[in-house]
Amino acid sequence: SGTATANGNVLYFTGYLGEEPLFEGDIVIDGGISGIIFNPGAYSHYSIALLDALKALGGKVPVIEVHLSNVHAREDFRKHLVTTQAATGVIAGFGSASYILALEALDKIFKKQN
């Protein structure tokens, strides 16, 4: 975990190996978080629980889903992403630069909101 500031936005980074953190959506909304960048990994293919947790946010914060590889260029089962149904946008296939692109996307969203 850690924090950083980019373009006037305070960023909080953390990592989890499961689905549990997104079930605490009230903490996200009430905790002053303005946006979410997440990489659900293999959970993106089958986790209705993650999808429901993201939908519970009710669109109150933008959600950018990140995949390091181009999931559409991989095995057929990887082309079906359940969690994208609740994402504002999806960035895939740019390796670790996918996170930078997601930050840039959130920055543009925040600027449009203000």
C-alpha atoms as a PDB file:
ATOM      1  CA  SER A   1       0.000   0.000   0.000  1.00  0.00           C
ATOM      2  CA  GLY A   2       1.037   3.578  -0.506  1.00  0.00           C
ATOM      3  CA  THR A   3      -0.033   7.041  -1.595  1.00  0.00           C
ATOM      4  CA  ALA A   4       1.051   9.490  -4.277  1.00  0.00           C
ATOM      5  CA  THR A   5      -0.145  12.727  -5.815  1.00  0.00           C
ATOM      6  CA  ALA A   6      -0.641  13.182  -9.558  1.00  0.00           C
ATOM      7  CA  ASN A   7      -2.139  16.243 -11.224  1.00  0.00           C
ATOM      8  CA  GLY A   8      -3.604  17.374  -7.907  1.00  0.00           C
ATOM      9  CA  ASN A   9      -5.251  14.018  -7.221  1.00  0.00           C
ATOM     10  CA  VAL A  10      -4.274  11.964  -4.197  1.00  0.00           C
ATOM     11  CA  LEU A  11      -3.784   8.320  -5.137  1.00  0.00           C
ATOM     12  CA  TYR A  12      -3.948   5.375  -2.762  1.00  0.00           C
ATOM     13  CA  PHE A  13      -2.449   2.110  -3.958  1.00  0.00           C
ATOM     14  CA  THR A  14      -3.154  -1.264  -2.485  1.00  0.00           C
ATOM     15  CA  GLY A  15      -3.221  -4.851  -3.633  1.00  0.00           C
ATOM     16  CA  TYR A  16      -5.445  -7.771  -2.782  1.00  0.00           C
ATOM     17  CA  LEU A  17      -5.479 -11.368  -3.866  1.00  0.00           C
ATOM     18  CA  GLY A  18      -9.207 -11.875  -3.496  1.00  0.00           C
ATOM     19  CA  GLU A  19     -12.630 -10.360  -3.986  1.00  0.00           C
ATOM     20  CA  GLU A  20     -13.367  -9.196  -0.434  1.00  0.00           C
ATOM     21  CA  PRO A  21     -12.261  -5.509  -0.538  1.00  0.00           C
ATOM     22  CA  LEU A  22     -14.821  -4.478  -3.156  1.00  0.00           C
ATOM     23  CA  PHE A  23     -17.618  -5.789  -0.979  1.00  0.00           C
ATOM     24  CA  GLU A  24     -17.006  -2.814   1.264  1.00  0.00           C
ATOM     25  CA  GLY A  25     -18.401  -0.341  -1.276  1.00  0.00           C
ATOM     26  CA  ASP A  26     -19.726   1.978   1.425  1.00  0.00           C
ATOM     27  CA  ILE A  27     -16.136   2.588   2.500  1.00  0.00           C
ATOM     28  CA  VAL A  28     -15.263   3.563  -1.072  1.00  0.00           C
ATOM     29  CA  ILE A  29     -18.149   6.034  -1.352  1.00  0.00           C
ATOM     30  CA  ASP A  30     -17.973   7.453   2.176  1.00  0.00           C
ATOM     31  CA  GLY A  31     -14.176   7.373   2.298  1.00  0.00           C
ATOM     32  CA  GLY A  32     -13.727  10.142  -0.257  1.00  0.00           C
ATOM     33  CA  ILE A  33     -12.436   7.948  -3.066  1.00  0.00           C
ATOM     34  CA  SER A  34     -13.074   9.557  -6.452  1.00  0.00           C
ATOM     35  CA  GLY A  35     -12.202   6.684  -8.752  1.00  0.00           C
ATOM     36  CA  ILE A  36     -11.054   3.097  -8.919  1.00  0.00           C
ATOM     37  CA  ILE A  37      -8.426   1.428 -11.078  1.00  0.00           C
ATOM     38  CA  PHE A  38      -8.428  -2.300 -10.631  1.00  0.00           C
ATOM     39  CA  ASN A  39      -6.985  -5.401 -12.201  1.00  0.00           C
ATOM     40  CA  PRO A  40      -9.305  -8.308 -11.412  1.00  0.00           C
ATOM     41  CA  GLY A  41      -7.066 -10.858 -13.140  1.00  0.00           C
ATOM     42  CA  ALA A  42      -8.762 -14.224 -13.511  1.00  0.00           C
ATOM     43  CA  TYR A  43     -11.713 -13.010 -11.415  1.00  0.00           C
ATOM     44  CA  SER A  44     -12.798 -10.933 -14.421  1.00  0.00           C
ATOM     45  CA  HIS A  45     -13.866 -14.091 -16.249  1.00  0.00           C
ATOM     46  CA  TYR A  46     -16.270 -15.516 -13.693  1.00  0.00           C
ATOM     47  CA  SER A  47     -16.762 -13.353 -10.600  1.00  0.00           C
ATOM     48  CA  ILE A  48     -20.378 -12.336 -10.385  1.00  0.00           C
ATOM     49  CA  ALA A  49     -19.547 -11.300  -6.812  1.00  0.00           C
ATOM     50  CA  LEU A  50     -17.092  -8.665  -8.070  1.00  0.00           C
ATOM     51  CA  LEU A  51     -19.555  -7.537 -10.709  1.00  0.00           C
ATOM     52  CA  ASP A  52     -22.260  -7.110  -8.059  1.00  0.00           C
ATOM     53  CA  ALA A  53     -19.884  -5.210  -5.759  1.00  0.00           C
ATOM     54  CA  LEU A  54     -18.967  -2.822  -8.573  1.00  0.00           C
ATOM     55  CA  LYS A  55     -22.611  -2.352  -9.529  1.00  0.00           C
ATOM     56  CA  ALA A  56     -23.393  -1.597  -5.879  1.00  0.00           C
ATOM     57  CA  LEU A  57     -21.252   1.520  -6.256  1.00  0.00           C
ATOM     58  CA  GLY A  58     -24.078   2.761  -8.455  1.00  0.00           C
ATOM     59  CA  GLY A  59     -21.858   4.641 -10.859  1.00  0.00           C
ATOM     60  CA  LYS A  60     -20.882   7.096  -8.110  1.00  0.00           C
ATOM     61  CA  VAL A  61     -17.200   6.747  -8.972  1.00  0.00           C
ATOM     62  CA  PRO A  62     -15.542   5.928 -12.306  1.00  0.00           C
ATOM     63  CA  VAL A  63     -14.100   2.413 -12.476  1.00  0.00           C
ATOM     64  CA  ILE A  64     -11.263   1.635 -14.883  1.00  0.00           C
ATOM     65  CA  GLU A  65     -10.554  -2.074 -15.357  1.00  0.00           C
ATOM     66  CA  VAL A  66      -6.952  -2.899 -16.287  1.00  0.00           C
ATOM     67  CA  HIS A  67      -5.478  -6.025 -17.858  1.00  0.00           C
ATOM     68  CA  LEU A  68      -1.746  -6.178 -18.538  1.00  0.00           C
ATOM     69  CA  SER A  69      -2.140  -8.535 -21.483  1.00  0.00           C
ATOM     70  CA  ASN A  70      -4.509  -8.227 -24.417  1.00  0.00           C
ATOM     71  CA  VAL A  71      -7.143 -10.659 -23.180  1.00  0.00           C
ATOM     72  CA  HIS A  72      -8.803 -10.696 -26.607  1.00  0.00           C
ATOM     73  CA  ALA A  73      -5.639 -12.112 -28.185  1.00  0.00           C
ATOM     74  CA  ARG A  74      -5.493 -14.998 -25.725  1.00  0.00           C
ATOM     75  CA  GLU A  75      -7.555 -18.153 -25.173  1.00  0.00           C
ATOM     76  CA  ASP A  76     -11.269 -17.986 -25.980  1.00  0.00           C
ATOM     77  CA  PHE A  77     -12.393 -18.224 -22.352  1.00  0.00           C
ATOM     78  CA  ARG A  78     -10.384 -15.077 -21.531  1.00  0.00           C
ATOM     79  CA  LYS A  79     -12.391 -13.031 -24.038  1.00  0.00           C
ATOM     80  CA  HIS A  80     -15.472 -13.100 -21.812  1.00  0.00           C
ATOM     81  CA  LEU A  81     -15.033 -10.511 -19.067  1.00  0.00           C
ATOM     82  CA  VAL A  82     -17.895 -10.428 -16.568  1.00  0.00           C
ATOM     83  CA  THR A  83     -16.636  -7.443 -14.579  1.00  0.00           C
ATOM     84  CA  THR A  84     -16.407  -5.075 -17.542  1.00  0.00           C
ATOM     85  CA  GLN A  85     -20.191  -4.699 -17.424  1.00  0.00           C
ATOM     86  CA  ALA A  86     -19.739  -2.378 -14.431  1.00  0.00           C
ATOM     87  CA  ALA A  87     -16.576  -0.613 -15.601  1.00  0.00           C
ATOM     88  CA  THR A  88     -16.495   2.915 -16.964  1.00  0.00           C
ATOM     89  CA  GLY A  89     -13.712   1.770 -19.264  1.00  0.00           C
ATOM     90  CA  VAL A  90     -11.235  -1.022 -19.890  1.00  0.00           C
ATOM     91  CA  ILE A  91      -7.550  -0.779 -20.766  1.00  0.00           C
ATOM     92  CA  ALA A  92      -5.768  -3.952 -21.856  1.00  0.00           C
ATOM     93  CA  GLY A  93      -2.632  -5.118 -23.549  1.00  0.00           C
ATOM     94  CA  PHE A  94      -0.079  -2.443 -22.697  1.00  0.00           C
ATOM     95  CA  GLY A  95       1.739  -4.242 -19.893  1.00  0.00           C
ATOM     96  CA  SER A  96       2.495  -2.112 -16.861  1.00  0.00           C
ATOM     97  CA  ALA A  97       1.829   1.020 -18.961  1.00  0.00           C
ATOM     98  CA  SER A  98      -1.848   0.022 -18.695  1.00  0.00           C
ATOM     99  CA  TYR A  99      -1.858   1.514 -15.194  1.00  0.00           C
ATOM    100  CA  ILE A 100      -0.432   4.819 -16.472  1.00  0.00           C
ATOM    101  CA  LEU A 101      -3.083   4.917 -19.199  1.00  0.00           C
ATOM    102  CA  ALA A 102      -5.759   4.227 -16.584  1.00  0.00           C
ATOM    103  CA  LEU A 103      -4.486   7.123 -14.451  1.00  0.00           C
ATOM    104  CA  GLU A 104      -4.591   9.386 -17.501  1.00  0.00           C
ATOM    105  CA  ALA A 105      -8.149   8.265 -18.229  1.00  0.00           C
ATOM    106  CA  LEU A 106      -9.251   9.007 -14.664  1.00  0.00           C
ATOM    107  CA  ASP A 107      -7.567  12.415 -14.837  1.00  0.00           C
ATOM    108  CA  LYS A 108      -9.564  13.259 -17.992  1.00  0.00           C
ATOM    109  CA  ILE A 109     -12.781  12.076 -16.316  1.00  0.00           C
ATOM    110  CA  PHE A 110     -12.084  14.252 -13.254  1.00  0.00           C
ATOM    111  CA  LYS A 111     -11.343  17.295 -15.437  1.00  0.00           C
ATOM    112  CA  LYS A 112     -14.664  16.812 -17.301  1.00  0.00           C
ATOM    113  CA  GLN A 113     -16.515  16.628 -13.977  1.00  0.00           C
ATOM    114  CA  ASN A 114     -15.082  19.951 -12.779  1.00  0.00           C
END
